[in-house]
Amino acid sequence: MRIRLHVVIDQESETLEAEIKKQLLEKCPTLSFSPSRPQPSLKDCLEFYGTAELDSKQIDSLLAKLNNDWDQDEDDYEAYGFNTLMFHPHVYYLHLQIL
């Protein structure tokens, strides 16, 4: 199954972006990333996407590693860092879709 992960970090920092992408690759080595860009609706935030081919066990494992309390609607998972525990303190938002 193909997944798409949308990540928003709370600072416009290339160093922080590289650190977060490195941590994501440690959790899911097959992720490939889009270039980042300023997040249009949030001040001083960056966003990027990651995609990978995973089986259902790998998806479950990745979900557990990224956040402790996902909002779920079928194959669509969403989490905000202000009310859940993210894998990195500067991750503001995660959205994982199983495509």
PDB file of N, CA and C in Angstrom:
ATOM      1  N   MET A   1       0.834  -1.183   0.000  1.00  0.00           N
ATOM      2  CA  MET A   1       0.000   0.000   0.000  1.00  0.00           C
ATOM      3  C   MET A   1       0.875   1.242   0.000  1.00  0.00           C
ATOM      4  N   ARG A   2       0.407   2.243  -0.685  1.00  0.00           N
ATOM      5  CA  ARG A   2       1.139   3.497  -0.750  1.00  0.00           C
ATOM      6  C   ARG A   2       0.611   4.425   0.333  1.00  0.00           C
ATOM      7  N   ILE A   3       1.540   5.091   1.032  1.00  0.00           N
ATOM      8  CA  ILE A   3       1.151   6.108   2.004  1.00  0.00           C
ATOM      9  C   ILE A   3       1.688   7.466   1.573  1.00  0.00           C
ATOM     10  N   ARG A   4       0.974   8.497   2.007  1.00  0.00           N
ATOM     11  CA  ARG A   4       1.462   9.871   1.849  1.00  0.00           C
ATOM     12  C   ARG A   4       1.391  10.514   3.222  1.00  0.00           C
ATOM     13  N   LEU A   5       2.511  11.052   3.658  1.00  0.00           N
ATOM     14  CA  LEU A   5       2.626  11.686   4.964  1.00  0.00           C
ATOM     15  C   LEU A   5       2.868  13.182   4.769  1.00  0.00           C
ATOM     16  N   HIS A   6       1.987  13.988   5.317  1.00  0.00           N
ATOM     17  CA  HIS A   6       2.132  15.445   5.283  1.00  0.00           C
ATOM     18  C   HIS A   6       2.648  15.869   6.653  1.00  0.00           C
ATOM     19  N   VAL A   7       3.753  16.617   6.659  1.00  0.00           N
ATOM     20  CA  VAL A   7       4.398  17.039   7.901  1.00  0.00           C
ATOM     21  C   VAL A   7       4.499  18.560   7.912  1.00  0.00           C
ATOM     22  N   VAL A   8       4.074  19.173   9.016  1.00  0.00           N
ATOM     23  CA  VAL A   8       4.251  20.609   9.216  1.00  0.00           C
ATOM     24  C   VAL A   8       5.110  20.791  10.460  1.00  0.00           C
ATOM     25  N   ILE A   9       6.199  21.538  10.300  1.00  0.00           N
ATOM     26  CA  ILE A   9       7.048  21.839  11.452  1.00  0.00           C
ATOM     27  C   ILE A   9       6.878  23.314  11.821  1.00  0.00           C
ATOM     28  N   ASP A  10       7.074  23.609  13.092  1.00  0.00           N
ATOM     29  CA  ASP A  10       6.707  24.918  13.635  1.00  0.00           C
ATOM     30  C   ASP A  10       7.773  26.007  13.481  1.00  0.00           C
ATOM     31  N   GLN A  11       8.764  25.772  12.650  1.00  0.00           N
ATOM     32  CA  GLN A  11       9.800  26.779  12.378  1.00  0.00           C
ATOM     33  C   GLN A  11      10.246  26.658  10.923  1.00  0.00           C
ATOM     34  N   GLU A  12      10.669  27.767  10.365  1.00  0.00           N
ATOM     35  CA  GLU A  12      11.266  27.738   9.023  1.00  0.00           C
ATOM     36  C   GLU A  12      12.771  27.576   9.187  1.00  0.00           C
ATOM     37  N   SER A  13      13.178  26.351   9.435  1.00  0.00           N
ATOM     38  CA  SER A  13      14.583  26.053   9.699  1.00  0.00           C
ATOM     39  C   SER A  13      15.002  24.834   8.888  1.00  0.00           C
ATOM     40  N   GLU A  14      15.977  25.023   7.994  1.00  0.00           N
ATOM     41  CA  GLU A  14      16.475  23.896   7.208  1.00  0.00           C
ATOM     42  C   GLU A  14      17.162  22.868   8.087  1.00  0.00           C
ATOM     43  N   THR A  15      17.822  23.317   9.139  1.00  0.00           N
ATOM     44  CA  THR A  15      18.491  22.403  10.065  1.00  0.00           C
ATOM     45  C   THR A  15      17.472  21.523  10.773  1.00  0.00           C
ATOM     46  N   LEU A  16      16.407  22.145  11.257  1.00  0.00           N
ATOM     47  CA  LEU A  16      15.350  21.404  11.925  1.00  0.00           C
ATOM     48  C   LEU A  16      14.646  20.451  10.952  1.00  0.00           C
ATOM     49  N   GLU A  17      14.405  20.919   9.747  1.00  0.00           N
ATOM     50  CA  GLU A  17      13.800  20.066   8.716  1.00  0.00           C
ATOM     51  C   GLU A  17      14.661  18.831   8.463  1.00  0.00           C
ATOM     52  N   ALA A  18      15.962  19.013   8.323  1.00  0.00           N
ATOM     53  CA  ALA A  18      16.874  17.889   8.080  1.00  0.00           C
ATOM     54  C   ALA A  18      16.858  16.908   9.258  1.00  0.00           C
ATOM     55  N   GLU A  19      16.809  17.427  10.475  1.00  0.00           N
ATOM     56  CA  GLU A  19      16.762  16.584  11.666  1.00  0.00           C
ATOM     57  C   GLU A  19      15.479  15.743  11.698  1.00  0.00           C
ATOM     58  N   ILE A  20      14.350  16.365  11.380  1.00  0.00           N
ATOM     59  CA  ILE A  20      13.067  15.662  11.378  1.00  0.00           C
ATOM     60  C   ILE A  20      13.024  14.618  10.262  1.00  0.00           C
ATOM     61  N   LYS A  21      13.508  14.960   9.082  1.00  0.00           N
ATOM     62  CA  LYS A  21      13.545  13.982   7.993  1.00  0.00           C
ATOM     63  C   LYS A  21      14.450  12.808   8.336  1.00  0.00           C
ATOM     64  N   LYS A  22      15.559  13.074   9.005  1.00  0.00           N
ATOM     65  CA  LYS A  22      16.461  11.999   9.428  1.00  0.00           C
ATOM     66  C   LYS A  22      15.742  11.062  10.396  1.00  0.00           C
ATOM     67  N   GLN A  23      15.013  11.625  11.356  1.00  0.00           N
ATOM     68  CA  GLN A  23      14.269  10.794  12.305  1.00  0.00           C
ATOM     69  C   GLN A  23      13.183   9.987  11.599  1.00  0.00           C
ATOM     70  N   LEU A  24      12.526  10.597  10.623  1.00  0.00           N
ATOM     71  CA  LEU A  24      11.510   9.873   9.866  1.00  0.00           C
ATOM     72  C   LEU A  24      12.125   8.697   9.110  1.00  0.00           C
ATOM     73  N   LEU A  25      13.295   8.903   8.516  1.00  0.00           N
ATOM     74  CA  LEU A  25      13.970   7.823   7.796  1.00  0.00           C
ATOM     75  C   LEU A  25      14.411   6.696   8.730  1.00  0.00           C
ATOM     76  N   GLU A  26      14.724   7.025   9.968  1.00  0.00           N
ATOM     77  CA  GLU A  26      15.056   5.988  10.948  1.00  0.00           C
ATOM     78  C   GLU A  26      13.827   5.134  11.259  1.00  0.00           C
ATOM     79  N   LYS A  27      12.656   5.740  11.219  1.00  0.00           N
ATOM     80  CA  LYS A  27      11.405   5.028  11.497  1.00  0.00           C
ATOM     81  C   LYS A  27      10.856   4.319  10.266  1.00  0.00           C
ATOM     82  N   CYS A  28      11.161   4.873   9.084  1.00  0.00           N
ATOM     83  CA  CYS A  28      10.662   4.312   7.829  1.00  0.00           C
ATOM     84  C   CYS A  28      11.686   4.597   6.727  1.00  0.00           C
ATOM     85  N   PRO A  29      12.667   3.716   6.541  1.00  0.00           N
ATOM     86  CA  PRO A  29      13.768   3.966   5.594  1.00  0.00           C
ATOM     87  C   PRO A  29      13.352   4.126   4.136  1.00  0.00           C
ATOM     88  N   THR A  30      12.162   3.679   3.771  1.00  0.00           N
ATOM     89  CA  THR A  30      11.746   3.766   2.367  1.00  0.00           C
ATOM     90  C   THR A  30      11.026   5.068   2.026  1.00  0.00           C
ATOM     91  N   LEU A  31      10.873   5.967   2.990  1.00  0.00           N
ATOM     92  CA  LEU A  31      10.215   7.243   2.700  1.00  0.00           C
ATOM     93  C   LEU A  31      11.036   8.066   1.714  1.00  0.00           C
ATOM     94  N   SER A  32      10.364   8.677   0.775  1.00  0.00           N
ATOM     95  CA  SER A  32      11.005   9.687  -0.078  1.00  0.00           C
ATOM     96  C   SER A  32      10.252  10.992   0.152  1.00  0.00           C
ATOM     97  N   PHE A  33      10.975  12.097   0.119  1.00  0.00           N
ATOM     98  CA  PHE A  33      10.429  13.385   0.524  1.00  0.00           C
ATOM     99  C   PHE A  33      10.331  14.366  -0.632  1.00  0.00           C
ATOM    100  N   SER A  34       9.322  15.201  -0.558  1.00  0.00           N
ATOM    101  CA  SER A  34       9.212  16.344  -1.461  1.00  0.00           C
ATOM    102  C   SER A  34      10.087  17.467  -0.905  1.00  0.00           C
ATOM    103  N   PRO A  35      10.401  18.447  -1.735  1.00  0.00           N
ATOM    104  CA  PRO A  35      11.055  19.633  -1.191  1.00  0.00           C
ATOM    105  C   PRO A  35      10.095  20.318  -0.209  1.00  0.00           C
ATOM    106  N   SER A  36      10.654  20.990   0.761  1.00  0.00           N
ATOM    107  CA  SER A  36       9.803  21.716   1.710  1.00  0.00           C
ATOM    108  C   SER A  36       9.431  23.078   1.135  1.00  0.00           C
ATOM    109  N   ARG A  37       8.414  23.669   1.754  1.00  0.00           N
ATOM    110  CA  ARG A  37       7.991  25.021   1.378  1.00  0.00           C
ATOM    111  C   ARG A  37       7.369  25.664   2.604  1.00  0.00           C
ATOM    112  N   PRO A  38       7.292  26.990   2.625  1.00  0.00           N
ATOM    113  CA  PRO A  38       6.585  27.638   3.727  1.00  0.00           C
ATOM    114  C   PRO A  38       5.120  27.182   3.724  1.00  0.00           C
ATOM    115  N   GLN A  39       4.598  26.896   4.899  1.00  0.00           N
ATOM    116  CA  GLN A  39       3.204  26.473   5.005  1.00  0.00           C
ATOM    117  C   GLN A  39       2.333  27.725   4.836  1.00  0.00           C
ATOM    118  N   PRO A  40       1.433  27.752   3.847  1.00  0.00           N
ATOM    119  CA  PRO A  40       0.732  28.990   3.493  1.00  0.00           C
ATOM    120  C   PRO A  40      -0.215  29.552   4.551  1.00  0.00           C
ATOM    121  N   SER A  41      -0.763  28.724   5.425  1.00  0.00           N
ATOM    122  CA  SER A  41      -1.733  29.253   6.381  1.00  0.00           C
ATOM    123  C   SER A  41      -1.183  29.422   7.793  1.00  0.00           C
ATOM    124  N   LEU A  42       0.089  29.073   8.007  1.00  0.00           N
ATOM    125  CA  LEU A  42       0.699  29.205   9.329  1.00  0.00           C
ATOM    126  C   LEU A  42       1.977  30.030   9.224  1.00  0.00           C
ATOM    127  N   LYS A  43       2.111  31.004  10.066  1.00  0.00           N
ATOM    128  CA  LYS A  43       3.276  31.882  10.027  1.00  0.00           C
ATOM    129  C   LYS A  43       4.541  31.150  10.490  1.00  0.00           C
ATOM    130  N   ASP A  44       5.605  31.305   9.721  1.00  0.00           N
ATOM    131  CA  ASP A  44       6.933  30.775  10.057  1.00  0.00           C
ATOM    132  C   ASP A  44       6.967  29.251  10.206  1.00  0.00           C
ATOM    133  N   CYS A  45       6.143  28.539   9.469  1.00  0.00           N
ATOM    134  CA  CYS A  45       6.135  27.077   9.497  1.00  0.00           C
ATOM    135  C   CYS A  45       6.525  26.532   8.121  1.00  0.00           C
ATOM    136  N   LEU A  46       7.127  25.351   8.110  1.00  0.00           N
ATOM    137  CA  LEU A  46       7.469  24.649   6.869  1.00  0.00           C
ATOM    138  C   LEU A  46       6.619  23.391   6.751  1.00  0.00           C
ATOM    139  N   GLU A  47       6.377  22.979   5.507  1.00  0.00           N
ATOM    140  CA  GLU A  47       5.696  21.714   5.277  1.00  0.00           C
ATOM    141  C   GLU A  47       6.415  20.937   4.187  1.00  0.00           C
ATOM    142  N   PHE A  48       6.266  19.611   4.266  1.00  0.00           N
ATOM    143  CA  PHE A  48       6.769  18.732   3.216  1.00  0.00           C
ATOM    144  C   PHE A  48       5.945  17.453   3.261  1.00  0.00           C
ATOM    145  N   TYR A  49       6.127  16.641   2.225  1.00  0.00           N
ATOM    146  CA  TYR A  49       5.416  15.372   2.118  1.00  0.00           C
ATOM    147  C   TYR A  49       6.419  14.235   2.008  1.00  0.00           C
ATOM    148  N   GLY A  50       6.006  13.078   2.472  1.00  0.00           N
ATOM    149  CA  GLY A  50       6.784  11.866   2.296  1.00  0.00           C
ATOM    150  C   GLY A  50       5.870  10.784   1.746  1.00  0.00           C
ATOM    151  N   THR A  51       6.421   9.919   0.911  1.00  0.00           N
ATOM    152  CA  THR A  51       5.654   8.797   0.374  1.00  0.00           C
ATOM    153  C   THR A  51       6.473   7.521   0.515  1.00  0.00           C
ATOM    154  N   ALA A  52       5.746   6.403   0.605  1.00  0.00           N
ATOM    155  CA  ALA A  52       6.411   5.096   0.700  1.00  0.00           C
ATOM    156  C   ALA A  52       5.403   4.007   0.371  1.00  0.00           C
ATOM    157  N   GLU A  53       5.933   2.852   0.014  1.00  0.00           N
ATOM    158  CA  GLU A  53       5.136   1.633  -0.152  1.00  0.00           C
ATOM    159  C   GLU A  53       5.351   0.786   1.102  1.00  0.00           C
ATOM    160  N   LEU A  54       4.270   0.497   1.826  1.00  0.00           N
ATOM    161  CA  LEU A  54       4.355  -0.268   3.067  1.00  0.00           C
ATOM    162  C   LEU A  54       3.230  -1.288   3.129  1.00  0.00           C
ATOM    163  N   ASP A  55       3.459  -2.361   3.880  1.00  0.00           N
ATOM    164  CA  ASP A  55       2.358  -3.288   4.125  1.00  0.00           C
ATOM    165  C   ASP A  55       1.613  -2.832   5.386  1.00  0.00           C
ATOM    166  N   SER A  56       0.516  -3.489   5.714  1.00  0.00           N
ATOM    167  CA  SER A  56      -0.332  -3.019   6.812  1.00  0.00           C
ATOM    168  C   SER A  56       0.385  -3.057   8.163  1.00  0.00           C
ATOM    169  N   LYS A  57       1.244  -4.043   8.399  1.00  0.00           N
ATOM    170  CA  LYS A  57       1.995  -4.098   9.663  1.00  0.00           C
ATOM    171  C   LYS A  57       2.984  -2.938   9.759  1.00  0.00           C
ATOM    172  N   GLN A  58       3.637  -2.610   8.651  1.00  0.00           N
ATOM    173  CA  GLN A  58       4.578  -1.493   8.646  1.00  0.00           C
ATOM    174  C   GLN A  58       3.841  -0.171   8.883  1.00  0.00           C
ATOM    175  N   ILE A  59       2.660  -0.039   8.318  1.00  0.00           N
ATOM    176  CA  ILE A  59       1.867   1.181   8.529  1.00  0.00           C
ATOM    177  C   ILE A  59       1.480   1.303   9.999  1.00  0.00           C
ATOM    178  N   ASP A  60       0.996   0.228  10.583  1.00  0.00           N
ATOM    179  CA  ASP A  60       0.628   0.250  11.999  1.00  0.00           C
ATOM    180  C   ASP A  60       1.821   0.609  12.876  1.00  0.00           C
ATOM    181  N   SER A  61       2.969   0.037  12.567  1.00  0.00           N
ATOM    182  CA  SER A  61       4.186   0.328  13.326  1.00  0.00           C
ATOM    183  C   SER A  61       4.580   1.798  13.186  1.00  0.00           C
ATOM    184  N   LEU A  62       4.521   2.321  11.959  1.00  0.00           N
ATOM    185  CA  LEU A  62       4.876   3.716  11.723  1.00  0.00           C
ATOM    186  C   LEU A  62       3.916   4.654  12.460  1.00  0.00           C
ATOM    187  N   LEU A  63       2.634   4.387  12.397  1.00  0.00           N
ATOM    188  CA  LEU A  63       1.658   5.217  13.104  1.00  0.00           C
ATOM    189  C   LEU A  63       1.975   5.282  14.595  1.00  0.00           C
ATOM    190  N   ALA A  64       2.302   4.133  15.179  1.00  0.00           N
ATOM    191  CA  ALA A  64       2.617   4.083  16.609  1.00  0.00           C
ATOM    192  C   ALA A  64       3.888   4.861  16.951  1.00  0.00           C
ATOM    193  N   LYS A  65       4.835   4.904  16.029  1.00  0.00           N
ATOM    194  CA  LYS A  65       6.098   5.603  16.272  1.00  0.00           C
ATOM    195  C   LYS A  65       5.981   7.116  16.100  1.00  0.00           C
ATOM    196  N   LEU A  66       5.020   7.578  15.310  1.00  0.00           N
ATOM    197  CA  LEU A  66       4.934   9.000  14.986  1.00  0.00           C
ATOM    198  C   LEU A  66       4.098   9.808  15.970  1.00  0.00           C
ATOM    199  N   ASN A  67       3.040   9.201  16.524  1.00  0.00           N
ATOM    200  CA  ASN A  67       2.135   9.948  17.384  1.00  0.00           C
ATOM    201  C   ASN A  67       1.397   8.991  18.308  1.00  0.00           C
ATOM    202  N   ASN A  68       0.973   9.507  19.465  1.00  0.00           N
ATOM    203  CA  ASN A  68       0.305   8.651  20.442  1.00  0.00           C
ATOM    204  C   ASN A  68      -1.220   8.693  20.376  1.00  0.00           C
ATOM    205  N   ASP A  69      -1.808   9.596  19.581  1.00  0.00           N
ATOM    206  CA  ASP A  69      -3.271   9.734  19.601  1.00  0.00           C
ATOM    207  C   ASP A  69      -3.774  10.307  18.278  1.00  0.00           C
ATOM    208  N   TRP A  70      -3.939   9.450  17.290  1.00  0.00           N
ATOM    209  CA  TRP A  70      -4.385   9.870  15.966  1.00  0.00           C
ATOM    210  C   TRP A  70      -5.898  10.032  15.929  1.00  0.00           C
ATOM    211  N   ASP A  71      -6.375  11.017  15.196  1.00  0.00           N
ATOM    212  CA  ASP A  71      -7.772  11.071  14.772  1.00  0.00           C
ATOM    213  C   ASP A  71      -7.830  10.279  13.479  1.00  0.00           C
ATOM    214  N   GLN A  72      -8.778   9.344  13.386  1.00  0.00           N
ATOM    215  CA  GLN A  72      -8.809   8.457  12.234  1.00  0.00           C
ATOM    216  C   GLN A  72     -10.178   8.455  11.580  1.00  0.00           C
ATOM    217  N   ASP A  73     -10.156   8.484  10.251  1.00  0.00           N
ATOM    218  CA  ASP A  73     -11.361   8.320   9.441  1.00  0.00           C
ATOM    219  C   ASP A  73     -10.982   7.375   8.305  1.00  0.00           C
ATOM    220  N   GLU A  74     -11.270   6.090   8.479  1.00  0.00           N
ATOM    221  CA  GLU A  74     -10.901   5.033   7.540  1.00  0.00           C
ATOM    222  C   GLU A  74      -9.390   5.017   7.312  1.00  0.00           C
ATOM    223  N   ASP A  75      -8.920   5.307   6.104  1.00  0.00           N
ATOM    224  CA  ASP A  75      -7.486   5.268   5.792  1.00  0.00           C
ATOM    225  C   ASP A  75      -6.844   6.651   5.854  1.00  0.00           C
ATOM    226  N   ASP A  76      -7.343   7.491   6.728  1.00  0.00           N
ATOM    227  CA  ASP A  76      -6.920   8.874   6.843  1.00  0.00           C
ATOM    228  C   ASP A  76      -6.653   9.169   8.324  1.00  0.00           C
ATOM    229  N   TYR A  77      -5.411   9.533   8.658  1.00  0.00           N
ATOM    230  CA  TYR A  77      -5.005   9.759  10.045  1.00  0.00           C
ATOM    231  C   TYR A  77      -4.481  11.182  10.185  1.00  0.00           C
ATOM    232  N   GLU A  78      -4.832  11.841  11.288  1.00  0.00           N
ATOM    233  CA  GLU A  78      -4.453  13.229  11.484  1.00  0.00           C
ATOM    234  C   GLU A  78      -4.099  13.446  12.957  1.00  0.00           C
ATOM    235  N   ALA A  79      -3.070  14.278  13.211  1.00  0.00           N
ATOM    236  CA  ALA A  79      -2.672  14.575  14.580  1.00  0.00           C
ATOM    237  C   ALA A  79      -2.056  15.971  14.648  1.00  0.00           C
ATOM    238  N   TYR A  80      -2.322  16.651  15.746  1.00  0.00           N
ATOM    239  CA  TYR A  80      -1.760  17.978  16.027  1.00  0.00           C
ATOM    240  C   TYR A  80      -0.862  17.887  17.250  1.00  0.00           C
ATOM    241  N   GLY A  81       0.264  18.569  17.178  1.00  0.00           N
ATOM    242  CA  GLY A  81       1.239  18.524  18.258  1.00  0.00           C
ATOM    243  C   GLY A  81       0.847  19.265  19.514  1.00  0.00           C
ATOM    244  N   PHE A  82      -0.132  20.142  19.452  1.00  0.00           N
ATOM    245  CA  PHE A  82      -0.503  20.882  20.657  1.00  0.00           C
ATOM    246  C   PHE A  82      -1.364  20.052  21.606  1.00  0.00           C
ATOM    247  N   ASN A  83      -1.919  18.931  21.143  1.00  0.00           N
ATOM    248  CA  ASN A  83      -2.735  18.116  22.044  1.00  0.00           C
ATOM    249  C   ASN A  83      -2.382  16.627  22.016  1.00  0.00           C
ATOM    250  N   THR A  84      -1.289  16.257  21.347  1.00  0.00           N
ATOM    251  CA  THR A  84      -0.836  14.867  21.313  1.00  0.00           C
ATOM    252  C   THR A  84       0.688  14.839  21.433  1.00  0.00           C
ATOM    253  N   LEU A  85       1.230  13.664  21.596  1.00  0.00           N
ATOM    254  CA  LEU A  85       2.680  13.503  21.715  1.00  0.00           C
ATOM    255  C   LEU A  85       3.256  13.084  20.363  1.00  0.00           C
ATOM    256  N   MET A  86       3.958  14.010  19.718  1.00  0.00           N
ATOM    257  CA  MET A  86       4.588  13.745  18.423  1.00  0.00           C
ATOM    258  C   MET A  86       5.966  13.115  18.620  1.00  0.00           C
ATOM    259  N   PHE A  87       6.502  12.523  17.561  1.00  0.00           N
ATOM    260  CA  PHE A  87       7.825  11.916  17.608  1.00  0.00           C
ATOM    261  C   PHE A  87       8.927  12.965  17.745  1.00  0.00           C
ATOM    262  N   HIS A  88       8.636  14.217  17.429  1.00  0.00           N
ATOM    263  CA  HIS A  88       9.596  15.315  17.554  1.00  0.00           C
ATOM    264  C   HIS A  88       8.849  16.537  18.081  1.00  0.00           C
ATOM    265  N   PRO A  89       9.424  17.269  19.018  1.00  0.00           N
ATOM    266  CA  PRO A  89       8.696  18.389  19.629  1.00  0.00           C
ATOM    267  C   PRO A  89       8.369  19.546  18.683  1.00  0.00           C
ATOM    268  N   HIS A  90       9.051  19.648  17.538  1.00  0.00           N
ATOM    269  CA  HIS A  90       8.776  20.745  16.609  1.00  0.00           C
ATOM    270  C   HIS A  90       7.842  20.346  15.468  1.00  0.00           C
ATOM    271  N   VAL A  91       7.302  19.140  15.525  1.00  0.00           N
ATOM    272  CA  VAL A  91       6.292  18.748  14.538  1.00  0.00           C
ATOM    273  C   VAL A  91       4.944  19.279  15.030  1.00  0.00           C
ATOM    274  N   TYR A  92       4.363  20.154  14.236  1.00  0.00           N
ATOM    275  CA  TYR A  92       3.084  20.777  14.587  1.00  0.00           C
ATOM    276  C   TYR A  92       1.900  19.926  14.133  1.00  0.00           C
ATOM    277  N   TYR A  93       2.026  19.281  12.959  1.00  0.00           N
ATOM    278  CA  TYR A  93       0.891  18.578  12.360  1.00  0.00           C
ATOM    279  C   TYR A  93       1.378  17.410  11.527  1.00  0.00           C
ATOM    280  N   LEU A  94       0.634  16.296  11.582  1.00  0.00           N
ATOM    281  CA  LEU A  94       0.878  15.131  10.739  1.00  0.00           C
ATOM    282  C   LEU A  94      -0.436  14.680  10.120  1.00  0.00           C
ATOM    283  N   HIS A  95      -0.365  14.299   8.868  1.00  0.00           N
ATOM    284  CA  HIS A  95      -1.527  13.737   8.177  1.00  0.00           C
ATOM    285  C   HIS A  95      -1.018  12.575   7.341  1.00  0.00           C
ATOM    286  N   LEU A  96      -1.457  11.371   7.677  1.00  0.00           N
ATOM    287  CA  LEU A  96      -1.040  10.180   6.955  1.00  0.00           C
ATOM    288  C   LEU A  96      -2.249   9.609   6.236  1.00  0.00           C
ATOM    289  N   GLN A  97      -2.100   9.423   4.935  1.00  0.00           N
ATOM    290  CA  GLN A  97      -3.161   8.832   4.131  1.00  0.00           C
ATOM    291  C   GLN A  97      -2.650   7.532   3.527  1.00  0.00           C
ATOM    292  N   ILE A  98      -3.513   6.518   3.560  1.00  0.00           N
ATOM    293  CA  ILE A  98      -3.239   5.273   2.856  1.00  0.00           C
ATOM    294  C   ILE A  98      -3.961   5.387   1.522  1.00  0.00           C
ATOM    295  N   LEU A  99      -3.194   5.387   0.448  1.00  0.00           N
ATOM    296  CA  LEU A  99      -3.756   5.650  -0.879  1.00  0.00           C
ATOM    297  C   LEU A  99      -4.136   4.373  -1.603  1.00  0.00           C
TER     298      LEU A  99
END
